[in-house]
Amino acid sequence: MIGLHLATALALVVSFWRDWIRVIRGLSTSVTQWRIQTVDQRLARLIIMATIPVGVAGIALDKLFRTTLGRPVPTAIFLSSRCQ
C-alpha cells in the first residue's frame, strides 16, 4: 500500500513538475515580498490556507475515524455508497 502511494506521488511530481516549480517560486516570492502580485503567488497562498483546516480536522478527528472506519461494516457501507 505504501508503494502505491509513493508511486502515485512520484507520478504527480513527474507529470506536474512545471506547475510545482511555479507554485514553489510563487510561495517564495510572496513570502519575501510580503504581498501577492501574481497568480502563482495567490495559488501558493491559497493552497497553504486550504491545507491548514484539513490538517487540524484530521488531528482532531483521528481517533473517531480510526475507531469508526476501522471496522469492516462502516467501511463497506462507505465504500459501496461511492461506487454508485
PDB file of N, CA and C in Angstrom:
ATOM      1  N   MET A   1       0.820  -1.187   0.000  1.00  0.00           N
ATOM      2  CA  MET A   1       0.000   0.000   0.000  1.00  0.00           C
ATOM      3  C   MET A   1       0.874   1.264   0.000  1.00  0.00           C
ATOM      4  N   ILE A   2       1.935   1.230   0.774  1.00  0.00           N
ATOM      5  CA  ILE A   2       2.830   2.397   0.815  1.00  0.00           C
ATOM      6  C   ILE A   2       3.486   2.610  -0.545  1.00  0.00           C
ATOM      7  N   GLY A   3       3.858   1.510  -1.187  1.00  0.00           N
ATOM      8  CA  GLY A   3       4.459   1.613  -2.521  1.00  0.00           C
ATOM      9  C   GLY A   3       3.521   2.251  -3.529  1.00  0.00           C
ATOM     10  N   LEU A   4       2.240   1.923  -3.427  1.00  0.00           N
ATOM     11  CA  LEU A   4       1.247   2.505  -4.322  1.00  0.00           C
ATOM     12  C   LEU A   4       1.139   4.011  -4.104  1.00  0.00           C
ATOM     13  N   HIS A   5       1.116   4.437  -2.842  1.00  0.00           N
ATOM     14  CA  HIS A   5       1.037   5.873  -2.545  1.00  0.00           C
ATOM     15  C   HIS A   5       2.300   6.596  -3.004  1.00  0.00           C
ATOM     16  N   LEU A   6       3.448   5.984  -2.795  1.00  0.00           N
ATOM     17  CA  LEU A   6       4.698   6.605  -3.252  1.00  0.00           C
ATOM     18  C   LEU A   6       4.747   6.714  -4.765  1.00  0.00           C
ATOM     19  N   ALA A   7       4.303   5.672  -5.452  1.00  0.00           N
ATOM     20  CA  ALA A   7       4.298   5.701  -6.913  1.00  0.00           C
ATOM     21  C   ALA A   7       3.326   6.766  -7.432  1.00  0.00           C
ATOM     22  N   THR A   8       2.187   6.903  -6.785  1.00  0.00           N
ATOM     23  CA  THR A   8       1.227   7.935  -7.179  1.00  0.00           C
ATOM     24  C   THR A   8       1.807   9.324  -6.961  1.00  0.00           C
ATOM     25  N   ALA A   9       2.441   9.533  -5.817  1.00  0.00           N
ATOM     26  CA  ALA A   9       3.059  10.831  -5.543  1.00  0.00           C
ATOM     27  C   ALA A   9       4.164  11.134  -6.545  1.00  0.00           C
ATOM     28  N   LEU A  10       4.966  10.148  -6.844  1.00  0.00           N
ATOM     29  CA  LEU A  10       6.046  10.338  -7.827  1.00  0.00           C
ATOM     30  C   LEU A  10       5.479  10.658  -9.202  1.00  0.00           C
ATOM     31  N   ALA A  11       4.408   9.975  -9.600  1.00  0.00           N
ATOM     32  CA  ALA A  11       3.787  10.245 -10.898  1.00  0.00           C
ATOM     33  C   ALA A  11       3.242  11.671 -10.961  1.00  0.00           C
ATOM     34  N   LEU A  12       2.673  12.141  -9.858  1.00  0.00           N
ATOM     35  CA  LEU A  12       2.160  13.513  -9.831  1.00  0.00           C
ATOM     36  C   LEU A  12       3.283  14.538  -9.925  1.00  0.00           C
ATOM     37  N   VAL A  13       4.369  14.267  -9.233  1.00  0.00           N
ATOM     38  CA  VAL A  13       5.514  15.187  -9.288  1.00  0.00           C
ATOM     39  C   VAL A  13       6.105  15.222 -10.692  1.00  0.00           C
ATOM     40  N   VAL A  14       6.257  14.045 -11.298  1.00  0.00           N
ATOM     41  CA  VAL A  14       6.836  13.978 -12.643  1.00  0.00           C
ATOM     42  C   VAL A  14       5.912  14.633 -13.668  1.00  0.00           C
ATOM     43  N   SER A  15       4.621  14.379 -13.553  1.00  0.00           N
ATOM     44  CA  SER A  15       3.670  14.911 -14.536  1.00  0.00           C
ATOM     45  C   SER A  15       3.491  16.421 -14.418  1.00  0.00           C
ATOM     46  N   PHE A  16       3.504  16.923 -13.204  1.00  0.00           N
ATOM     47  CA  PHE A  16       3.207  18.340 -12.991  1.00  0.00           C
ATOM     48  C   PHE A  16       4.404  19.117 -12.445  1.00  0.00           C
ATOM     49  N   TRP A  17       5.613  18.753 -12.825  1.00  0.00           N
ATOM     50  CA  TRP A  17       6.794  19.386 -12.245  1.00  0.00           C
ATOM     51  C   TRP A  17       6.855  20.874 -12.564  1.00  0.00           C
ATOM     52  N   ARG A  18       6.399  21.270 -13.742  1.00  0.00           N
ATOM     53  CA  ARG A  18       6.422  22.706 -14.075  1.00  0.00           C
ATOM     54  C   ARG A  18       5.483  23.493 -13.155  1.00  0.00           C
ATOM     55  N   ASP A  19       4.311  22.916 -12.900  1.00  0.00           N
ATOM     56  CA  ASP A  19       3.360  23.586 -12.000  1.00  0.00           C
ATOM     57  C   ASP A  19       3.904  23.664 -10.583  1.00  0.00           C
ATOM     58  N   TRP A  20       4.558  22.581 -10.117  1.00  0.00           N
ATOM     59  CA  TRP A  20       5.150  22.588  -8.771  1.00  0.00           C
ATOM     60  C   TRP A  20       6.214  23.683  -8.663  1.00  0.00           C
ATOM     61  N   ILE A  21       7.026  23.832  -9.698  1.00  0.00           N
ATOM     62  CA  ILE A  21       8.062  24.887  -9.697  1.00  0.00           C
ATOM     63  C   ILE A  21       7.411  26.260  -9.616  1.00  0.00           C
ATOM     64  N   ARG A  22       6.341  26.471 -10.394  1.00  0.00           N
ATOM     65  CA  ARG A  22       5.638  27.762 -10.358  1.00  0.00           C
ATOM     66  C   ARG A  22       5.072  28.054  -8.976  1.00  0.00           C
ATOM     67  N   VAL A  23       4.459  27.056  -8.353  1.00  0.00           N
ATOM     68  CA  VAL A  23       3.862  27.258  -7.030  1.00  0.00           C
ATOM     69  C   VAL A  23       4.941  27.534  -5.988  1.00  0.00           C
ATOM     70  N   ILE A  24       6.023  26.762  -6.024  1.00  0.00           N
ATOM     71  CA  ILE A  24       7.117  26.976  -5.061  1.00  0.00           C
ATOM     72  C   ILE A  24       7.749  28.350  -5.260  1.00  0.00           C
ATOM     73  N   ARG A  25       7.960  28.728  -6.501  1.00  0.00           N
ATOM     74  CA  ARG A  25       8.526  30.051  -6.781  1.00  0.00           C
ATOM     75  C   ARG A  25       7.558  31.155  -6.333  1.00  0.00           C
ATOM     76  N   GLY A  26       6.268  30.959  -6.584  1.00  0.00           N
ATOM     77  CA  GLY A  26       5.277  31.947  -6.143  1.00  0.00           C
ATOM     78  C   GLY A  26       5.234  32.074  -4.634  1.00  0.00           C
ATOM     79  N   LEU A  27       5.347  30.948  -3.926  1.00  0.00           N
ATOM     80  CA  LEU A  27       5.345  30.997  -2.467  1.00  0.00           C
ATOM     81  C   LEU A  27       6.578  31.721  -1.948  1.00  0.00           C
ATOM     82  N   SER A  28       7.727  31.399  -2.507  1.00  0.00           N
ATOM     83  CA  SER A  28       8.952  32.040  -2.011  1.00  0.00           C
ATOM     84  C   SER A  28       8.954  33.539  -2.275  1.00  0.00           C
ATOM     85  N   THR A  29       8.466  33.960  -3.436  1.00  0.00           N
ATOM     86  CA  THR A  29       8.456  35.398  -3.713  1.00  0.00           C
ATOM     87  C   THR A  29       7.382  36.127  -2.902  1.00  0.00           C
ATOM     88  N   SER A  30       6.241  35.468  -2.656  1.00  0.00           N
ATOM     89  CA  SER A  30       5.207  36.147  -1.871  1.00  0.00           C
ATOM     90  C   SER A  30       5.606  36.271  -0.404  1.00  0.00           C
ATOM     91  N   VAL A  31       6.389  35.325   0.089  1.00  0.00           N
ATOM     92  CA  VAL A  31       6.862  35.404   1.472  1.00  0.00           C
ATOM     93  C   VAL A  31       7.936  36.476   1.607  1.00  0.00           C
ATOM     94  N   THR A  32       8.848  36.546   0.652  1.00  0.00           N
ATOM     95  CA  THR A  32       9.930  37.537   0.744  1.00  0.00           C
ATOM     96  C   THR A  32       9.436  38.961   0.493  1.00  0.00           C
ATOM     97  N   GLN A  33       8.425  39.121  -0.365  1.00  0.00           N
ATOM     98  CA  GLN A  33       7.914  40.462  -0.678  1.00  0.00           C
ATOM     99  C   GLN A  33       6.759  40.894   0.224  1.00  0.00           C
ATOM    100  N   TRP A  34       6.185  39.972   0.974  1.00  0.00           N
ATOM    101  CA  TRP A  34       5.056  40.231   1.880  1.00  0.00           C
ATOM    102  C   TRP A  34       3.832  40.783   1.164  1.00  0.00           C
ATOM    103  N   ARG A  35       3.647  40.396  -0.098  1.00  0.00           N
ATOM    104  CA  ARG A  35       2.442  40.791  -0.819  1.00  0.00           C
ATOM    105  C   ARG A  35       2.179  39.800  -1.951  1.00  0.00           C
ATOM    106  N   ILE A  36       0.988  39.848  -2.462  1.00  0.00           N
ATOM    107  CA  ILE A  36       0.595  38.955  -3.542  1.00  0.00           C
ATOM    108  C   ILE A  36       0.373  39.791  -4.788  1.00  0.00           C
ATOM    109  N   GLN A  37       1.175  39.512  -5.824  1.00  0.00           N
ATOM    110  CA  GLN A  37       1.066  40.269  -7.060  1.00  0.00           C
ATOM    111  C   GLN A  37       0.702  39.396  -8.256  1.00  0.00           C
ATOM    112  N   THR A  38       1.106  38.131  -8.238  1.00  0.00           N
ATOM    113  CA  THR A  38       0.880  37.274  -9.395  1.00  0.00           C
ATOM    114  C   THR A  38      -0.102  36.157  -9.061  1.00  0.00           C
ATOM    115  N   VAL A  39      -0.558  35.488 -10.087  1.00  0.00           N
ATOM    116  CA  VAL A  39      -1.472  34.361  -9.925  1.00  0.00           C
ATOM    117  C   VAL A  39      -0.780  33.214  -9.189  1.00  0.00           C
ATOM    118  N   ASP A  40       0.494  32.995  -9.474  1.00  0.00           N
ATOM    119  CA  ASP A  40       1.234  31.915  -8.814  1.00  0.00           C
ATOM    120  C   ASP A  40       1.381  32.170  -7.321  1.00  0.00           C
ATOM    121  N   GLN A  41       1.608  33.404  -6.945  1.00  0.00           N
ATOM    122  CA  GLN A  41       1.707  33.737  -5.523  1.00  0.00           C
ATOM    123  C   GLN A  41       0.367  33.518  -4.825  1.00  0.00           C
ATOM    124  N   ARG A  42      -0.702  33.902  -5.483  1.00  0.00           N
ATOM    125  CA  ARG A  42      -2.037  33.701  -4.900  1.00  0.00           C
ATOM    126  C   ARG A  42      -2.348  32.216  -4.766  1.00  0.00           C
ATOM    127  N   LEU A  43      -2.025  31.431  -5.785  1.00  0.00           N
ATOM    128  CA  LEU A  43      -2.277  29.998  -5.740  1.00  0.00           C
ATOM    129  C   LEU A  43      -1.505  29.342  -4.600  1.00  0.00           C
ATOM    130  N   ALA A  44      -0.261  29.706  -4.421  1.00  0.00           N
ATOM    131  CA  ALA A  44       0.549  29.129  -3.345  1.00  0.00           C
ATOM    132  C   ALA A  44      -0.044  29.464  -1.977  1.00  0.00           C
ATOM    133  N   ARG A  45      -0.465  30.693  -1.785  1.00  0.00           N
ATOM    134  CA  ARG A  45      -1.066  31.077  -0.505  1.00  0.00           C
ATOM    135  C   ARG A  45      -2.399  30.360  -0.278  1.00  0.00           C
ATOM    136  N   LEU A  46      -3.202  30.208  -1.328  1.00  0.00           N
ATOM    137  CA  LEU A  46      -4.484  29.523  -1.191  1.00  0.00           C
ATOM    138  C   LEU A  46      -4.302  28.044  -0.877  1.00  0.00           C
ATOM    139  N   ILE A  47      -3.288  27.411  -1.447  1.00  0.00           N
ATOM    140  CA  ILE A  47      -3.016  26.001  -1.144  1.00  0.00           C
ATOM    141  C   ILE A  47      -2.675  25.849   0.331  1.00  0.00           C
ATOM    142  N   ILE A  48      -1.854  26.730   0.852  1.00  0.00           N
ATOM    143  CA  ILE A  48      -1.482  26.656   2.262  1.00  0.00           C
ATOM    144  C   ILE A  48      -2.688  26.931   3.152  1.00  0.00           C
ATOM    145  N   MET A  49      -3.478  27.941   2.808  1.00  0.00           N
ATOM    146  CA  MET A  49      -4.645  28.267   3.621  1.00  0.00           C
ATOM    147  C   MET A  49      -5.681  27.143   3.609  1.00  0.00           C
ATOM    148  N   ALA A  50      -5.804  26.421   2.506  1.00  0.00           N
ATOM    149  CA  ALA A  50      -6.759  25.314   2.429  1.00  0.00           C
ATOM    150  C   ALA A  50      -6.255  24.072   3.152  1.00  0.00           C
ATOM    151  N   THR A  51      -4.951  23.935   3.293  1.00  0.00           N
ATOM    152  CA  THR A  51      -4.376  22.757   3.935  1.00  0.00           C
ATOM    153  C   THR A  51      -4.503  22.828   5.457  1.00  0.00           C
ATOM    154  N   ILE A  52      -4.448  23.986   6.023  1.00  0.00           N
ATOM    155  CA  ILE A  52      -4.460  24.143   7.486  1.00  0.00           C
ATOM    156  C   ILE A  52      -5.740  23.595   8.129  1.00  0.00           C
ATOM    157  N   PRO A  53      -6.954  23.963   7.670  1.00  0.00           N
ATOM    158  CA  PRO A  53      -8.152  23.411   8.319  1.00  0.00           C
ATOM    159  C   PRO A  53      -8.267  21.894   8.174  1.00  0.00           C
ATOM    160  N   VAL A  54      -7.843  21.364   7.040  1.00  0.00           N
ATOM    161  CA  VAL A  54      -7.900  19.915   6.851  1.00  0.00           C
ATOM    162  C   VAL A  54      -6.943  19.214   7.802  1.00  0.00           C
ATOM    163  N   GLY A  55      -5.761  19.765   8.001  1.00  0.00           N
ATOM    164  CA  GLY A  55      -4.816  19.187   8.950  1.00  0.00           C
ATOM    165  C   GLY A  55      -5.326  19.230  10.377  1.00  0.00           C
ATOM    166  N   VAL A  56      -5.929  20.338  10.759  1.00  0.00           N
ATOM    167  CA  VAL A  56      -6.485  20.462  12.111  1.00  0.00           C
ATOM    168  C   VAL A  56      -7.633  19.474  12.299  1.00  0.00           C
ATOM    169  N   ALA A  57      -8.503  19.356  11.302  1.00  0.00           N
ATOM    170  CA  ALA A  57      -9.618  18.405  11.398  1.00  0.00           C
ATOM    171  C   ALA A  57      -9.105  16.976  11.453  1.00  0.00           C
ATOM    172  N   GLY A  58      -8.079  16.676  10.698  1.00  0.00           N
ATOM    173  CA  GLY A  58      -7.504  15.332  10.725  1.00  0.00           C
ATOM    174  C   GLY A  58      -6.925  14.982  12.077  1.00  0.00           C
ATOM    175  N   ILE A  59      -6.258  15.920  12.693  1.00  0.00           N
ATOM    176  CA  ILE A  59      -5.693  15.675  14.033  1.00  0.00           C
ATOM    177  C   ILE A  59      -6.813  15.553  15.068  1.00  0.00           C
ATOM    178  N   ALA A  60      -7.805  16.429  14.976  1.00  0.00           N
ATOM    179  CA  ALA A  60      -8.883  16.424  15.965  1.00  0.00           C
ATOM    180  C   ALA A  60      -9.779  15.188  15.852  1.00  0.00           C
ATOM    181  N   LEU A  61      -9.998  14.700  14.647  1.00  0.00           N
ATOM    182  CA  LEU A  61     -10.935  13.596  14.435  1.00  0.00           C
ATOM    183  C   LEU A  61     -10.242  12.262  14.156  1.00  0.00           C
ATOM    184  N   ASP A  62      -8.956  12.188  14.412  1.00  0.00           N
ATOM    185  CA  ASP A  62      -8.186  10.988  14.110  1.00  0.00           C
ATOM    186  C   ASP A  62      -8.739   9.753  14.818  1.00  0.00           C
ATOM    187  N   LYS A  63      -8.984   9.865  16.097  1.00  0.00           N
ATOM    188  CA  LYS A  63      -9.461   8.705  16.859  1.00  0.00           C
ATOM    189  C   LYS A  63     -10.848   8.271  16.378  1.00  0.00           C
ATOM    190  N   LEU A  64     -11.714   9.228  16.117  1.00  0.00           N
ATOM    191  CA  LEU A  64     -13.052   8.911  15.616  1.00  0.00           C
ATOM    192  C   LEU A  64     -12.981   8.153  14.289  1.00  0.00           C
ATOM    193  N   PHE A  65     -12.149   8.627  13.380  1.00  0.00           N
ATOM    194  CA  PHE A  65     -12.023   7.958  12.089  1.00  0.00           C
ATOM    195  C   PHE A  65     -11.443   6.554  12.236  1.00  0.00           C
ATOM    196  N   ARG A  66     -10.427   6.409  13.073  1.00  0.00           N
ATOM    197  CA  ARG A  66      -9.821   5.089  13.241  1.00  0.00           C
ATOM    198  C   ARG A  66     -10.768   4.098  13.885  1.00  0.00           C
ATOM    199  N   THR A  67     -11.535   4.542  14.879  1.00  0.00           N
ATOM    200  CA  THR A  67     -12.433   3.609  15.565  1.00  0.00           C
ATOM    201  C   THR A  67     -13.678   3.306  14.731  1.00  0.00           C
ATOM    202  N   THR A  68     -14.188   4.296  14.017  1.00  0.00           N
ATOM    203  CA  THR A  68     -15.404   4.084  13.230  1.00  0.00           C
ATOM    204  C   THR A  68     -15.097   3.415  11.893  1.00  0.00           C
ATOM    205  N   LEU A  69     -14.197   3.995  11.141  1.00  0.00           N
ATOM    206  CA  LEU A  69     -13.902   3.457   9.816  1.00  0.00           C
ATOM    207  C   LEU A  69     -12.925   2.290   9.865  1.00  0.00           C
ATOM    208  N   GLY A  70     -12.415   1.965  11.024  1.00  0.00           N
ATOM    209  CA  GLY A  70     -11.527   0.818  11.155  1.00  0.00           C
ATOM    210  C   GLY A  70     -12.274  -0.491  11.226  1.00  0.00           C
ATOM    211  N   ARG A  71     -13.579  -0.428  11.440  1.00  0.00           N
ATOM    212  CA  ARG A  71     -14.403  -1.630  11.484  1.00  0.00           C
ATOM    213  C   ARG A  71     -14.895  -1.951  10.074  1.00  0.00           C
ATOM    214  N   PRO A  72     -15.104  -3.232   9.773  1.00  0.00           N
ATOM    215  CA  PRO A  72     -15.440  -3.621   8.398  1.00  0.00           C
ATOM    216  C   PRO A  72     -16.802  -3.130   7.900  1.00  0.00           C
ATOM    217  N   VAL A  73     -17.843  -3.155   8.718  1.00  0.00           N
ATOM    218  CA  VAL A  73     -19.189  -2.814   8.234  1.00  0.00           C
ATOM    219  C   VAL A  73     -19.300  -1.336   7.833  1.00  0.00           C
ATOM    220  N   PRO A  74     -18.893  -0.373   8.685  1.00  0.00           N
ATOM    221  CA  PRO A  74     -18.978   1.030   8.240  1.00  0.00           C
ATOM    222  C   PRO A  74     -18.098   1.314   7.021  1.00  0.00           C
ATOM    223  N   THR A  75     -16.955   0.658   6.958  1.00  0.00           N
ATOM    224  CA  THR A  75     -16.075   0.862   5.807  1.00  0.00           C
ATOM    225  C   THR A  75     -16.721   0.338   4.539  1.00  0.00           C
ATOM    226  N   ALA A  76     -17.335  -0.842   4.607  1.00  0.00           N
ATOM    227  CA  ALA A  76     -18.008  -1.414   3.437  1.00  0.00           C
ATOM    228  C   ALA A  76     -19.171  -0.538   2.976  1.00  0.00           C
ATOM    229  N   ILE A  77     -19.931  -0.008   3.931  1.00  0.00           N
ATOM    230  CA  ILE A  77     -21.047   0.874   3.574  1.00  0.00           C
ATOM    231  C   ILE A  77     -20.535   2.147   2.911  1.00  0.00           C
ATOM    232  N   PHE A  78     -19.487   2.729   3.476  1.00  0.00           N
ATOM    233  CA  PHE A  78     -18.907   3.941   2.907  1.00  0.00           C
ATOM    234  C   PHE A  78     -18.383   3.693   1.500  1.00  0.00           C
ATOM    235  N   LEU A  79     -17.659   2.610   1.317  1.00  0.00           N
ATOM    236  CA  LEU A  79     -17.092   2.321   0.006  1.00  0.00           C
ATOM    237  C   LEU A  79     -18.155   1.939  -1.022  1.00  0.00           C
ATOM    238  N   SER A  80     -19.171   1.216  -0.610  1.00  0.00           N
ATOM    239  CA  SER A  80     -20.208   0.829  -1.570  1.00  0.00           C
ATOM    240  C   SER A  80     -21.074   2.005  -1.975  1.00  0.00           C
ATOM    241  N   SER A  81     -21.248   2.972  -1.100  1.00  0.00           N
ATOM    242  CA  SER A  81     -22.045   4.147  -1.470  1.00  0.00           C
ATOM    243  C   SER A  81     -21.312   5.009  -2.483  1.00  0.00           C
ATOM    244  N   ARG A  82     -20.005   4.921  -2.554  1.00  0.00           N
ATOM    245  CA  ARG A  82     -19.212   5.706  -3.517  1.00  0.00           C
ATOM    246  C   ARG A  82     -19.178   5.067  -4.890  1.00  0.00           C
ATOM    247  N   CYS A  83     -19.513   3.805  -5.003  1.00  0.00           N
ATOM    248  CA  CYS A  83     -19.421   3.083  -6.278  1.00  0.00           C
ATOM    249  C   CYS A  83     -20.628   3.330  -7.173  1.00  0.00           C
ATOM    250  N   GLN A  84     -21.685   3.886  -6.665  1.00  0.00           N
ATOM    251  CA  GLN A  84     -22.908   4.027  -7.458  1.00  0.00           C
ATOM    252  C   GLN A  84     -22.843   5.180  -8.370  1.00  0.00           C
TER     253      GLN A  84
END
